[in-house]
Structure formats: C-alpha cells, structure tokens
C-alpha cells in the first residue's frame, strides 16, 4: 500500500524501520520516534505518518494523514492511490460485516467514518 519515496532522504531511516510486511512493535515505535524529529510537516511527511499509522492499526489517523497529504499536494498520485486502497480495504471489511479495527479508537472506528467526534471519543 505504501511506497518509499526514492528522492527524499529525510525518511530513509523511517522506511528502513517499516521495511517488510509486518514490522515489529519496536520497529514501528522507532519509525514514529524518527518521524517525530522531522520538523517540516509537508505532504510527504503526512504520507509517511499515514504509513506508520497503518502499521499501528490507527486506520482513522492513517486516513486523516493521507487526506492531508492530498490537500498539500493534490497532483501526487501515490497519495491518492494509498487512500483509495485503504478505503477499498475498509469497504470490503464492512461489506463482510467486520469493520476494520482501530487500535487507537476501538469501537469508535466502526461508527465514525470521517473521524471521531469529541462526544464519542
């Protein structure tokens, strides 16, 4: 779903941590720590944050960061493709009666498509 940006060295260590289908909890935590140190929060930063959120199973946050990346760089097809794939995955899960779990928002993820409102989380 997520592809490393070849030209942006700021994120190379983060991608190294996420390399593979199932990074360990420690690798995901290290990726987040490295990403948190990057000051410039441009479209690519939000895309990489979405990847970290995806591996954390924070699907609502992942979606939020993908939408932000698209807003900041609407011409980047990679961001749209990732959002479309995430949306298709969520739609398929919902169609099968098993909405995507969200490790951060728990049951709220299945009821709030646009993000949790303050009254439910």
PDB file of N, CA and C in Angstrom:
ATOM      1  N   UNK A   1       0.822  -1.181   0.000  1.00  0.00           N
ATOM      2  CA  UNK A   1       0.000   0.000   0.000  1.00  0.00           C
ATOM      3  C   UNK A   1       0.875   1.257   0.000  1.00  0.00           C
ATOM      4  N   UNK A   2       1.920   1.269   0.799  1.00  0.00           N
ATOM      5  CA  UNK A   2       2.773   2.449   0.904  1.00  0.00           C
ATOM      6  C   UNK A   2       4.107   2.171   0.219  1.00  0.00           C
ATOM      7  N   UNK A   3       4.560   3.146  -0.557  1.00  0.00           N
ATOM      8  CA  UNK A   3       5.827   3.001  -1.249  1.00  0.00           C
ATOM      9  C   UNK A   3       6.780   4.093  -0.812  1.00  0.00           C
ATOM     10  N   UNK A   4       8.015   3.717  -0.649  1.00  0.00           N
ATOM     11  CA  UNK A   4       9.035   4.662  -0.208  1.00  0.00           C
ATOM     12  C   UNK A   4       9.330   5.660  -1.308  1.00  0.00           C
ATOM     13  N   UNK A   5       9.504   6.886  -0.913  1.00  0.00           N
ATOM     14  CA  UNK A   5       9.882   7.942  -1.837  1.00  0.00           C
ATOM     15  C   UNK A   5      11.394   7.867  -2.040  1.00  0.00           C
ATOM     16  N   UNK A   6      11.806   7.653  -3.261  1.00  0.00           N
ATOM     17  CA  UNK A   6      13.231   7.478  -3.558  1.00  0.00           C
ATOM     18  C   UNK A   6      14.048   8.755  -3.360  1.00  0.00           C
ATOM     19  N   UNK A   7      13.451   9.914  -3.595  1.00  0.00           N
ATOM     20  CA  UNK A   7      14.234  11.143  -3.630  1.00  0.00           C
ATOM     21  C   UNK A   7      14.287  11.887  -2.307  1.00  0.00           C
ATOM     22  N   UNK A   8      13.582  11.449  -1.308  1.00  0.00           N
ATOM     23  CA  UNK A   8      13.531  12.206  -0.058  1.00  0.00           C
ATOM     24  C   UNK A   8      14.246  11.446   1.055  1.00  0.00           C
ATOM     25  N   UNK A   9      15.486  11.809   1.267  1.00  0.00           N
ATOM     26  CA  UNK A   9      16.330  11.118   2.246  1.00  0.00           C
ATOM     27  C   UNK A   9      15.889  11.342   3.690  1.00  0.00           C
ATOM     28  N   UNK A  10      15.057  12.367   3.924  1.00  0.00           N
ATOM     29  CA  UNK A  10      14.611  12.637   5.299  1.00  0.00           C
ATOM     30  C   UNK A  10      13.943  11.422   5.921  1.00  0.00           C
ATOM     31  N   UNK A  11      13.346  10.588   5.091  1.00  0.00           N
ATOM     32  CA  UNK A  11      12.534   9.486   5.606  1.00  0.00           C
ATOM     33  C   UNK A  11      13.183   8.114   5.444  1.00  0.00           C
ATOM     34  N   UNK A  12      14.417   8.058   5.004  1.00  0.00           N
ATOM     35  CA  UNK A  12      15.039   6.759   4.724  1.00  0.00           C
ATOM     36  C   UNK A  12      15.111   5.863   5.960  1.00  0.00           C
ATOM     37  N   UNK A  13      15.462   6.415   7.100  1.00  0.00           N
ATOM     38  CA  UNK A  13      15.529   5.596   8.321  1.00  0.00           C
ATOM     39  C   UNK A  13      14.144   5.132   8.765  1.00  0.00           C
ATOM     40  N   UNK A  14      13.139   5.980   8.570  1.00  0.00           N
ATOM     41  CA  UNK A  14      11.763   5.603   8.915  1.00  0.00           C
ATOM     42  C   UNK A  14      11.343   4.421   8.055  1.00  0.00           C
ATOM     43  N   UNK A  15      11.592   4.527   6.738  1.00  0.00           N
ATOM     44  CA  UNK A  15      11.223   3.427   5.840  1.00  0.00           C
ATOM     45  C   UNK A  15      12.002   2.158   6.163  1.00  0.00           C
ATOM     46  N   UNK A  16      13.264   2.301   6.585  1.00  0.00           N
ATOM     47  CA  UNK A  16      14.043   1.122   6.977  1.00  0.00           C
ATOM     48  C   UNK A  16      13.354   0.382   8.124  1.00  0.00           C
ATOM     49  N   UNK A  17      12.778   1.128   9.049  1.00  0.00           N
ATOM     50  CA  UNK A  17      12.073   0.515  10.179  1.00  0.00           C
ATOM     51  C   UNK A  17      10.799  -0.200   9.725  1.00  0.00           C
ATOM     52  N   UNK A  18      10.151   0.336   8.698  1.00  0.00           N
ATOM     53  CA  UNK A  18       8.875  -0.215   8.239  1.00  0.00           C
ATOM     54  C   UNK A  18       9.056  -1.257   7.137  1.00  0.00           C
ATOM     55  N   UNK A  19      10.275  -1.517   6.761  1.00  0.00           N
ATOM     56  CA  UNK A  19      10.546  -2.444   5.669  1.00  0.00           C
ATOM     57  C   UNK A  19       9.997  -3.829   5.989  1.00  0.00           C
ATOM     58  N   UNK A  20       9.224  -4.349   5.092  1.00  0.00           N
ATOM     59  CA  UNK A  20       8.623  -5.664   5.289  1.00  0.00           C
ATOM     60  C   UNK A  20       7.136  -5.554   5.541  1.00  0.00           C
ATOM     61  N   UNK A  21       6.461  -6.684   5.456  1.00  0.00           N
ATOM     62  CA  UNK A  21       5.012  -6.699   5.613  1.00  0.00           C
ATOM     63  C   UNK A  21       4.553  -6.514   7.048  1.00  0.00           C
ATOM     64  N   UNK A  22       5.326  -6.996   7.983  1.00  0.00           N
ATOM     65  CA  UNK A  22       4.906  -6.966   9.383  1.00  0.00           C
ATOM     66  C   UNK A  22       6.039  -6.477  10.283  1.00  0.00           C
ATOM     67  N   UNK A  23       6.265  -5.163  10.307  1.00  0.00           N
ATOM     68  CA  UNK A  23       7.316  -4.658  11.203  1.00  0.00           C
ATOM     69  C   UNK A  23       6.929  -4.918  12.666  1.00  0.00           C
ATOM     70  N   UNK A  24       7.930  -5.116  13.483  1.00  0.00           N
ATOM     71  CA  UNK A  24       7.680  -5.369  14.901  1.00  0.00           C
ATOM     72  C   UNK A  24       7.206  -4.088  15.582  1.00  0.00           C
ATOM     73  N   UNK A  25       6.647  -4.253  16.763  1.00  0.00           N
ATOM     74  CA  UNK A  25       6.209  -3.102  17.554  1.00  0.00           C
ATOM     75  C   UNK A  25       7.371  -2.153  17.810  1.00  0.00           C
ATOM     76  N   UNK A  26       8.539  -2.703  18.087  1.00  0.00           N
ATOM     77  CA  UNK A  26       9.714  -1.877  18.343  1.00  0.00           C
ATOM     78  C   UNK A  26      10.111  -1.087  17.098  1.00  0.00           C
ATOM     79  N   UNK A  27      10.033  -1.726  15.932  1.00  0.00           N
ATOM     80  CA  UNK A  27      10.372  -1.032  14.692  1.00  0.00           C
ATOM     81  C   UNK A  27       9.376   0.096  14.396  1.00  0.00           C
ATOM     82  N   UNK A  28       8.108  -0.163  14.661  1.00  0.00           N
ATOM     83  CA  UNK A  28       7.086   0.860  14.449  1.00  0.00           C
ATOM     84  C   UNK A  28       7.295   2.031  15.410  1.00  0.00           C
ATOM     85  N   UNK A  29       7.603   1.734  16.656  1.00  0.00           N
ATOM     86  CA  UNK A  29       7.860   2.790  17.635  1.00  0.00           C
ATOM     87  C   UNK A  29       9.085   3.614  17.244  1.00  0.00           C
ATOM     88  N   UNK A  30      10.115   2.951  16.765  1.00  0.00           N
ATOM     89  CA  UNK A  30      11.318   3.666  16.317  1.00  0.00           C
ATOM     90  C   UNK A  30      10.989   4.542  15.108  1.00  0.00           C
ATOM     91  N   UNK A  31      10.203   4.012  14.172  1.00  0.00           N
ATOM     92  CA  UNK A  31       9.795   4.796  12.997  1.00  0.00           C
ATOM     93  C   UNK A  31       9.055   6.049  13.440  1.00  0.00           C
ATOM     94  N   UNK A  32       8.149   5.920  14.416  1.00  0.00           N
ATOM     95  CA  UNK A  32       7.407   7.081  14.909  1.00  0.00           C
ATOM     96  C   UNK A  32       8.333   8.090  15.560  1.00  0.00           C
ATOM     97  N   UNK A  33       9.267   7.598  16.341  1.00  0.00           N
ATOM     98  CA  UNK A  33      10.217   8.481  17.009  1.00  0.00           C
ATOM     99  C   UNK A  33      11.052   9.260  15.991  1.00  0.00           C
ATOM    100  N   UNK A  34      11.520   8.582  14.964  1.00  0.00           N
ATOM    101  CA  UNK A  34      12.304   9.240  13.920  1.00  0.00           C
ATOM    102  C   UNK A  34      11.460  10.268  13.166  1.00  0.00           C
ATOM    103  N   UNK A  35      10.236   9.912  12.876  1.00  0.00           N
ATOM    104  CA  UNK A  35       9.346  10.814  12.153  1.00  0.00           C
ATOM    105  C   UNK A  35       9.015  12.052  12.989  1.00  0.00           C
ATOM    106  N   UNK A  36       8.835  11.860  14.276  1.00  0.00           N
ATOM    107  CA  UNK A  36       8.525  12.982  15.168  1.00  0.00           C
ATOM    108  C   UNK A  36       9.642  14.023  15.188  1.00  0.00           C
ATOM    109  N   UNK A  37      10.859  13.623  14.889  1.00  0.00           N
ATOM    110  CA  UNK A  37      12.004  14.546  14.913  1.00  0.00           C
ATOM    111  C   UNK A  37      12.071  15.448  13.683  1.00  0.00           C
ATOM    112  N   UNK A  38      11.344  15.084  12.648  1.00  0.00           N
ATOM    113  CA  UNK A  38      11.380  15.872  11.411  1.00  0.00           C
ATOM    114  C   UNK A  38      10.467  17.081  11.575  1.00  0.00           C
ATOM    115  N   UNK A  39      11.019  18.241  11.402  1.00  0.00           N
ATOM    116  CA  UNK A  39      10.287  19.483  11.679  1.00  0.00           C
ATOM    117  C   UNK A  39       9.337  19.872  10.548  1.00  0.00           C
ATOM    118  N   UNK A  40       9.752  19.689   9.301  1.00  0.00           N
ATOM    119  CA  UNK A  40       8.928  20.106   8.163  1.00  0.00           C
ATOM    120  C   UNK A  40       7.798  19.096   7.942  1.00  0.00           C
ATOM    121  N   UNK A  41       6.571  19.539   8.140  1.00  0.00           N
ATOM    122  CA  UNK A  41       5.392  18.679   8.023  1.00  0.00           C
ATOM    123  C   UNK A  41       4.707  18.919   6.674  1.00  0.00           C
ATOM    124  N   UNK A  42       5.391  18.529   5.617  1.00  0.00           N
ATOM    125  CA  UNK A  42       4.862  18.703   4.272  1.00  0.00           C
ATOM    126  C   UNK A  42       4.028  17.487   3.868  1.00  0.00           C
ATOM    127  N   UNK A  43       3.631  17.422   2.606  1.00  0.00           N
ATOM    128  CA  UNK A  43       2.776  16.329   2.135  1.00  0.00           C
ATOM    129  C   UNK A  43       3.443  14.972   2.320  1.00  0.00           C
ATOM    130  N   UNK A  44       4.722  14.882   2.006  1.00  0.00           N
ATOM    131  CA  UNK A  44       5.402  13.587   2.140  1.00  0.00           C
ATOM    132  C   UNK A  44       5.485  13.159   3.599  1.00  0.00           C
ATOM    133  N   UNK A  45       5.676  14.106   4.506  1.00  0.00           N
ATOM    134  CA  UNK A  45       5.688  13.773   5.932  1.00  0.00           C
ATOM    135  C   UNK A  45       4.340  13.146   6.327  1.00  0.00           C
ATOM    136  N   UNK A  46       3.241  13.734   5.875  1.00  0.00           N
ATOM    137  CA  UNK A  46       1.921  13.203   6.213  1.00  0.00           C
ATOM    138  C   UNK A  46       1.712  11.816   5.593  1.00  0.00           C
ATOM    139  N   UNK A  47       2.249  11.601   4.411  1.00  0.00           N
ATOM    140  CA  UNK A  47       2.168  10.280   3.775  1.00  0.00           C
ATOM    141  C   UNK A  47       2.927   9.239   4.608  1.00  0.00           C
ATOM    142  N   UNK A  48       4.120   9.594   5.034  1.00  0.00           N
ATOM    143  CA  UNK A  48       4.919   8.659   5.840  1.00  0.00           C
ATOM    144  C   UNK A  48       4.249   8.443   7.199  1.00  0.00           C
ATOM    145  N   UNK A  49       3.683   9.493   7.781  1.00  0.00           N
ATOM    146  CA  UNK A  49       2.949   9.333   9.039  1.00  0.00           C
ATOM    147  C   UNK A  49       1.764   8.392   8.839  1.00  0.00           C
ATOM    148  N   UNK A  50       1.101   8.503   7.700  1.00  0.00           N
ATOM    149  CA  UNK A  50      -0.007   7.587   7.388  1.00  0.00           C
ATOM    150  C   UNK A  50       0.481   6.146   7.349  1.00  0.00           C
ATOM    151  N   UNK A  51       1.657   5.925   6.795  1.00  0.00           N
ATOM    152  CA  UNK A  51       2.215   4.570   6.757  1.00  0.00           C
ATOM    153  C   UNK A  51       2.472   4.050   8.170  1.00  0.00           C
ATOM    154  N   UNK A  52       3.046   4.887   9.013  1.00  0.00           N
ATOM    155  CA  UNK A  52       3.291   4.489  10.407  1.00  0.00           C
ATOM    156  C   UNK A  52       1.961   4.187  11.097  1.00  0.00           C
ATOM    157  N   UNK A  53       0.974   5.049  10.902  1.00  0.00           N
ATOM    158  CA  UNK A  53      -0.348   4.829  11.496  1.00  0.00           C
ATOM    159  C   UNK A  53      -0.974   3.529  10.987  1.00  0.00           C
ATOM    160  N   UNK A  54      -0.795   3.235   9.723  1.00  0.00           N
ATOM    161  CA  UNK A  54      -1.323   1.996   9.150  1.00  0.00           C
ATOM    162  C   UNK A  54      -0.754   0.784   9.883  1.00  0.00           C
ATOM    163  N   UNK A  55       0.548   0.778  10.082  1.00  0.00           N
ATOM    164  CA  UNK A  55       1.175  -0.357  10.766  1.00  0.00           C
ATOM    165  C   UNK A  55       0.820  -0.409  12.252  1.00  0.00           C
ATOM    166  N   UNK A  56       0.463   0.733  12.820  1.00  0.00           N
ATOM    167  CA  UNK A  56      -0.020   0.750  14.206  1.00  0.00           C
ATOM    168  C   UNK A  56      -1.470   0.282  14.291  1.00  0.00           C
ATOM    169  N   UNK A  57      -2.131   0.182  13.134  1.00  0.00           N
ATOM    170  CA  UNK A  57      -3.560  -0.119  13.036  1.00  0.00           C
ATOM    171  C   UNK A  57      -4.401   1.065  13.504  1.00  0.00           C
ATOM    172  N   UNK A  58      -3.892   2.267  13.318  1.00  0.00           N
ATOM    173  CA  UNK A  58      -4.627   3.503  13.588  1.00  0.00           C
ATOM    174  C   UNK A  58      -5.227   3.960  12.257  1.00  0.00           C
ATOM    175  N   UNK A  59      -6.221   3.251  11.770  1.00  0.00           N
ATOM    176  CA  UNK A  59      -6.733   3.466  10.420  1.00  0.00           C
ATOM    177  C   UNK A  59      -7.381   4.831  10.220  1.00  0.00           C
ATOM    178  N   UNK A  60      -8.055   5.336  11.225  1.00  0.00           N
ATOM    179  CA  UNK A  60      -8.650   6.667  11.090  1.00  0.00           C
ATOM    180  C   UNK A  60      -7.573   7.744  10.987  1.00  0.00           C
ATOM    181  N   UNK A  61      -6.538   7.620  11.781  1.00  0.00           N
ATOM    182  CA  UNK A  61      -5.422   8.563  11.708  1.00  0.00           C
ATOM    183  C   UNK A  61      -4.710   8.430  10.367  1.00  0.00           C
ATOM    184  N   UNK A  62      -4.555   7.206   9.907  1.00  0.00           N
ATOM    185  CA  UNK A  62      -3.937   6.952   8.604  1.00  0.00           C
ATOM    186  C   UNK A  62      -4.705   7.697   7.525  1.00  0.00           C
ATOM    187  N   UNK A  63      -6.004   7.545   7.541  1.00  0.00           N
ATOM    188  CA  UNK A  63      -6.871   8.207   6.559  1.00  0.00           C
ATOM    189  C   UNK A  63      -6.748   9.728   6.650  1.00  0.00           C
ATOM    190  N   UNK A  64      -6.717  10.248   7.866  1.00  0.00           N
ATOM    191  CA  UNK A  64      -6.587  11.691   8.074  1.00  0.00           C
ATOM    192  C   UNK A  64      -5.286  12.214   7.470  1.00  0.00           C
ATOM    193  N   UNK A  65      -4.186  11.508   7.680  1.00  0.00           N
ATOM    194  CA  UNK A  65      -2.896  11.961   7.155  1.00  0.00           C
ATOM    195  C   UNK A  65      -2.819  11.821   5.640  1.00  0.00           C
ATOM    196  N   UNK A  66      -3.450  10.803   5.081  1.00  0.00           N
ATOM    197  CA  UNK A  66      -3.484  10.687   3.628  1.00  0.00           C
ATOM    198  C   UNK A  66      -4.272  11.838   3.012  1.00  0.00           C
ATOM    199  N   UNK A  67      -5.399  12.184   3.629  1.00  0.00           N
ATOM    200  CA  UNK A  67      -6.192  13.316   3.126  1.00  0.00           C
ATOM    201  C   UNK A  67      -5.402  14.620   3.217  1.00  0.00           C
ATOM    202  N   UNK A  68      -4.633  14.798   4.274  1.00  0.00           N
ATOM    203  CA  UNK A  68      -3.812  15.997   4.437  1.00  0.00           C
ATOM    204  C   UNK A  68      -2.716  16.027   3.368  1.00  0.00           C
ATOM    205  N   UNK A  69      -2.099  14.878   3.105  1.00  0.00           N
ATOM    206  CA  UNK A  69      -1.064  14.805   2.071  1.00  0.00           C
ATOM    207  C   UNK A  69      -1.646  15.198   0.714  1.00  0.00           C
ATOM    208  N   UNK A  70      -2.844  14.706   0.418  1.00  0.00           N
ATOM    209  CA  UNK A  70      -3.502  15.033  -0.844  1.00  0.00           C
ATOM    210  C   UNK A  70      -3.833  16.516  -0.917  1.00  0.00           C
ATOM    211  N   UNK A  71      -4.281  17.067   0.187  1.00  0.00           N
ATOM    212  CA  UNK A  71      -4.603  18.503   0.213  1.00  0.00           C
ATOM    213  C   UNK A  71      -3.356  19.343  -0.058  1.00  0.00           C
ATOM    214  N   UNK A  72      -2.220  18.933   0.515  1.00  0.00           N
ATOM    215  CA  UNK A  72      -0.977  19.683   0.348  1.00  0.00           C
ATOM    216  C   UNK A  72      -0.341  19.479  -1.032  1.00  0.00           C
ATOM    217  N   UNK A  73      -0.591  18.311  -1.636  1.00  0.00           N
ATOM    218  CA  UNK A  73      -0.006  18.004  -2.944  1.00  0.00           C
ATOM    219  C   UNK A  73      -1.015  17.205  -3.767  1.00  0.00           C
ATOM    220  N   UNK A  74      -2.033  17.885  -4.295  1.00  0.00           N
ATOM    221  CA  UNK A  74      -3.123  17.194  -4.983  1.00  0.00           C
ATOM    222  C   UNK A  74      -2.707  16.471  -6.262  1.00  0.00           C
ATOM    223  N   UNK A  75      -1.550  16.795  -6.816  1.00  0.00           N
ATOM    224  CA  UNK A  75      -1.099  16.163  -8.057  1.00  0.00           C
ATOM    225  C   UNK A  75      -0.375  14.831  -7.819  1.00  0.00           C
ATOM    226  N   UNK A  76      -0.095  14.496  -6.575  1.00  0.00           N
ATOM    227  CA  UNK A  76       0.663  13.276  -6.287  1.00  0.00           C
ATOM    228  C   UNK A  76      -0.264  12.061  -6.290  1.00  0.00           C
ATOM    229  N   UNK A  77      -0.148  11.246  -7.305  1.00  0.00           N
ATOM    230  CA  UNK A  77      -0.991  10.060  -7.445  1.00  0.00           C
ATOM    231  C   UNK A  77      -0.725   8.994  -6.397  1.00  0.00           C
ATOM    232  N   UNK A  78       0.480   8.982  -5.853  1.00  0.00           N
ATOM    233  CA  UNK A  78       0.823   7.990  -4.832  1.00  0.00           C
ATOM    234  C   UNK A  78      -0.060   8.161  -3.597  1.00  0.00           C
ATOM    235  N   UNK A  79      -0.331   9.396  -3.225  1.00  0.00           N
ATOM    236  CA  UNK A  79      -1.159   9.661  -2.051  1.00  0.00           C
ATOM    237  C   UNK A  79      -2.594   9.216  -2.297  1.00  0.00           C
ATOM    238  N   UNK A  80      -3.113   9.547  -3.464  1.00  0.00           N
ATOM    239  CA  UNK A  80      -4.486   9.142  -3.822  1.00  0.00           C
ATOM    240  C   UNK A  80      -4.619   7.626  -3.887  1.00  0.00           C
ATOM    241  N   UNK A  81      -3.630   6.975  -4.467  1.00  0.00           N
ATOM    242  CA  UNK A  81      -3.671   5.520  -4.591  1.00  0.00           C
ATOM    243  C   UNK A  81      -3.703   4.858  -3.217  1.00  0.00           C
ATOM    244  N   UNK A  82      -2.916   5.371  -2.281  1.00  0.00           N
ATOM    245  CA  UNK A  82      -2.904   4.805  -0.930  1.00  0.00           C
ATOM    246  C   UNK A  82      -4.254   5.006  -0.250  1.00  0.00           C
ATOM    247  N   UNK A  83      -4.847   6.204  -0.406  1.00  0.00           N
ATOM    248  CA  UNK A  83      -6.162   6.460   0.188  1.00  0.00           C
ATOM    249  C   UNK A  83      -7.220   5.566  -0.442  1.00  0.00           C
ATOM    250  N   UNK A  84      -7.170   5.401  -1.755  1.00  0.00           N
ATOM    251  CA  UNK A  84      -8.130   4.533  -2.433  1.00  0.00           C
ATOM    252  C   UNK A  84      -7.987   3.079  -1.969  1.00  0.00           C
ATOM    253  N   UNK A  85      -6.765   2.627  -1.786  1.00  0.00           N
ATOM    254  CA  UNK A  85      -6.541   1.256  -1.321  1.00  0.00           C
ATOM    255  C   UNK A  85      -7.035   1.081   0.116  1.00  0.00           C
ATOM    256  N   UNK A  86      -6.781   2.056   0.973  1.00  0.00           N
ATOM    257  CA  UNK A  86      -7.263   1.999   2.352  1.00  0.00           C
ATOM    258  C   UNK A  86      -8.789   2.001   2.378  1.00  0.00           C
ATOM    259  N   UNK A  87      -9.401   2.855   1.566  1.00  0.00           N
ATOM    260  CA  UNK A  87     -10.860   2.934   1.504  1.00  0.00           C
ATOM    261  C   UNK A  87     -11.448   1.620   0.996  1.00  0.00           C
ATOM    262  N   UNK A  88     -10.841   1.039  -0.022  1.00  0.00           N
ATOM    263  CA  UNK A  88     -11.314  -0.242  -0.549  1.00  0.00           C
ATOM    264  C   UNK A  88     -11.195  -1.345   0.502  1.00  0.00           C
ATOM    265  N   UNK A  89     -10.112  -1.326   1.239  1.00  0.00           N
ATOM    266  CA  UNK A  89      -9.912  -2.311   2.300  1.00  0.00           C
ATOM    267  C   UNK A  89     -10.994  -2.160   3.372  1.00  0.00           C
ATOM    268  N   UNK A  90     -11.296  -0.926   3.756  1.00  0.00           N
ATOM    269  CA  UNK A  90     -12.328  -0.670   4.770  1.00  0.00           C
ATOM    270  C   UNK A  90     -13.706  -1.046   4.243  1.00  0.00           C
ATOM    271  N   UNK A  91     -13.981  -0.728   2.979  1.00  0.00           N
ATOM    272  CA  UNK A  91     -15.273  -1.074   2.380  1.00  0.00           C
ATOM    273  C   UNK A  91     -15.470  -2.587   2.326  1.00  0.00           C
ATOM    274  N   UNK A  92     -14.431  -3.297   1.947  1.00  0.00           N
ATOM    275  CA  UNK A  92     -14.510  -4.755   1.868  1.00  0.00           C
ATOM    276  C   UNK A  92     -14.741  -5.362   3.253  1.00  0.00           C
ATOM    277  N   UNK A  93     -14.041  -4.850   4.236  1.00  0.00           N
ATOM    278  CA  UNK A  93     -14.216  -5.349   5.602  1.00  0.00           C
ATOM    279  C   UNK A  93     -15.641  -5.079   6.091  1.00  0.00           C
ATOM    280  N   UNK A  94     -16.154  -3.890   5.820  1.00  0.00           N
ATOM    281  CA  UNK A  94     -17.517  -3.536   6.242  1.00  0.00           C
ATOM    282  C   UNK A  94     -18.543  -4.397   5.521  1.00  0.00           C
ATOM    283  N   UNK A  95     -18.311  -4.651   4.236  1.00  0.00           N
ATOM    284  CA  UNK A  95     -19.219  -5.479   3.446  1.00  0.00           C
ATOM    285  C   UNK A  95     -19.304  -6.895   4.014  1.00  0.00           C
ATOM    286  N   UNK A  96     -18.207  -7.358   4.565  1.00  0.00           N
ATOM    287  CA  UNK A  96     -18.161  -8.689   5.168  1.00  0.00           C
ATOM    288  C   UNK A  96     -18.593  -8.679   6.626  1.00  0.00           C
ATOM    289  N   UNK A  97     -19.090  -7.535   7.090  1.00  0.00           N
ATOM    290  CA  UNK A  97     -19.588  -7.440   8.462  1.00  0.00           C
ATOM    291  C   UNK A  97     -18.506  -7.358   9.517  1.00  0.00           C
ATOM    292  N   UNK A  98     -17.290  -7.038   9.090  1.00  0.00           N
ATOM    293  CA  UNK A  98     -16.178  -6.947  10.044  1.00  0.00           C
ATOM    294  C   UNK A  98     -15.410  -5.655   9.789  1.00  0.00           C
ATOM    295  N   UNK A  99     -15.927  -4.523  10.254  1.00  0.00           N
ATOM    296  CA  UNK A  99     -15.222  -3.253  10.031  1.00  0.00           C
ATOM    297  C   UNK A  99     -13.790  -3.328  10.546  1.00  0.00           C
ATOM    298  N   UNK A 100     -12.933  -2.571   9.902  1.00  0.00           N
ATOM    299  CA  UNK A 100     -11.537  -2.558  10.326  1.00  0.00           C
ATOM    300  C   UNK A 100     -11.436  -2.157  11.787  1.00  0.00           C
ATOM    301  N   UNK A 101     -10.697  -2.919  12.551  1.00  0.00           N
ATOM    302  CA  UNK A 101     -10.468  -2.487  13.937  1.00  0.00           C
ATOM    303  C   UNK A 101      -9.527  -1.293  13.921  1.00  0.00           C
ATOM    304  N   UNK A 102      -9.607  -0.499  14.925  1.00  0.00           N
ATOM    305  CA  UNK A 102      -8.697   0.623  15.027  1.00  0.00           C
ATOM    306  C   UNK A 102      -8.120   0.610  16.426  1.00  0.00           C
ATOM    307  N   UNK A 103      -6.848   0.320  16.515  1.00  0.00           N
ATOM    308  CA  UNK A 103      -6.205   0.155  17.809  1.00  0.00           C
ATOM    309  C   UNK A 103      -6.301   1.404  18.674  1.00  0.00           C
ATOM    310  N   UNK A 104      -6.388   2.572  18.043  1.00  0.00           N
ATOM    311  CA  UNK A 104      -6.436   3.807  18.822  1.00  0.00           C
ATOM    312  C   UNK A 104      -7.849   4.157  19.251  1.00  0.00           C
ATOM    313  N   UNK A 105      -8.825   3.960  18.358  1.00  0.00           N
ATOM    314  CA  UNK A 105     -10.173   4.426  18.627  1.00  0.00           C
ATOM    315  C   UNK A 105     -11.144   3.320  19.016  1.00  0.00           C
ATOM    316  N   UNK A 106     -10.735   2.071  18.990  1.00  0.00           N
ATOM    317  CA  UNK A 106     -11.577   0.939  19.357  1.00  0.00           C
ATOM    318  C   UNK A 106     -12.907   0.959  18.612  1.00  0.00           C
ATOM    319  N   UNK A 107     -14.030   0.860  19.305  1.00  0.00           N
ATOM    320  CA  UNK A 107     -15.337   0.768  18.671  1.00  0.00           C
ATOM    321  C   UNK A 107     -15.732   2.019  17.910  1.00  0.00           C
ATOM    322  N   UNK A 108     -15.148   3.126  18.229  1.00  0.00           N
ATOM    323  CA  UNK A 108     -15.489   4.365  17.549  1.00  0.00           C
ATOM    324  C   UNK A 108     -15.155   4.271  16.062  1.00  0.00           C
ATOM    325  N   UNK A 109     -14.141   3.500  15.707  1.00  0.00           N
ATOM    326  CA  UNK A 109     -13.734   3.388  14.305  1.00  0.00           C
ATOM    327  C   UNK A 109     -14.850   2.852  13.438  1.00  0.00           C
ATOM    328  N   UNK A 110     -15.663   1.981  13.977  1.00  0.00           N
ATOM    329  CA  UNK A 110     -16.720   1.397  13.155  1.00  0.00           C
ATOM    330  C   UNK A 110     -17.926   2.312  13.005  1.00  0.00           C
ATOM    331  N   UNK A 111     -17.997   3.363  13.795  1.00  0.00           N
ATOM    332  CA  UNK A 111     -19.158   4.250  13.724  1.00  0.00           C
ATOM    333  C   UNK A 111     -18.844   5.632  13.177  1.00  0.00           C
ATOM    334  N   UNK A 112     -17.612   6.030  13.147  1.00  0.00           N
ATOM    335  CA  UNK A 112     -17.253   7.378  12.714  1.00  0.00           C
ATOM    336  C   UNK A 112     -16.357   7.308  11.477  1.00  0.00           C
ATOM    337  N   UNK A 113     -16.911   7.501  10.314  1.00  0.00           N
ATOM    338  CA  UNK A 113     -16.129   7.381   9.095  1.00  0.00           C
ATOM    339  C   UNK A 113     -15.227   8.580   8.848  1.00  0.00           C
ATOM    340  N   UNK A 114     -15.637   9.735   9.207  1.00  0.00           N
ATOM    341  CA  UNK A 114     -14.850  10.928   8.942  1.00  0.00           C
ATOM    342  C   UNK A 114     -13.907  11.265  10.096  1.00  0.00           C
ATOM    343  N   UNK A 115     -13.864  10.451  11.110  1.00  0.00           N
ATOM    344  CA  UNK A 115     -13.051  10.723  12.294  1.00  0.00           C
ATOM    345  C   UNK A 115     -13.965  10.835  13.492  1.00  0.00           C
ATOM    346  N   UNK A 116     -13.428  10.557  14.602  1.00  0.00           N
ATOM    347  CA  UNK A 116     -14.245  10.548  15.807  1.00  0.00           C
ATOM    348  C   UNK A 116     -14.591  11.971  16.262  1.00  0.00           C
ATOM    349  N   UNK A 117     -15.802  12.124  16.661  1.00  0.00           N
ATOM    350  CA  UNK A 117     -16.221  13.397  17.221  1.00  0.00           C
ATOM    351  C   UNK A 117     -15.842  13.412  18.697  1.00  0.00           C
ATOM    352  N   UNK A 118     -15.810  14.562  19.267  1.00  0.00           N
ATOM    353  CA  UNK A 118     -15.384  14.656  20.663  1.00  0.00           C
ATOM    354  C   UNK A 118     -16.364  13.967  21.605  1.00  0.00           C
ATOM    355  N   UNK A 119     -17.605  13.831  21.210  1.00  0.00           N
ATOM    356  CA  UNK A 119     -18.573  13.211  22.114  1.00  0.00           C
ATOM    357  C   UNK A 119     -18.447  11.687  22.186  1.00  0.00           C
ATOM    358  N   UNK A 120     -17.846  11.082  21.169  1.00  0.00           N
ATOM    359  CA  UNK A 120     -17.752   9.618  21.236  1.00  0.00           C
ATOM    360  C   UNK A 120     -16.365   9.135  21.593  1.00  0.00           C
ATOM    361  N   UNK A 121     -15.398  10.000  21.638  1.00  0.00           N
ATOM    362  CA  UNK A 121     -14.044   9.557  21.993  1.00  0.00           C
ATOM    363  C   UNK A 121     -13.518  10.456  23.066  1.00  0.00           C
TER     364      UNK A 121
END
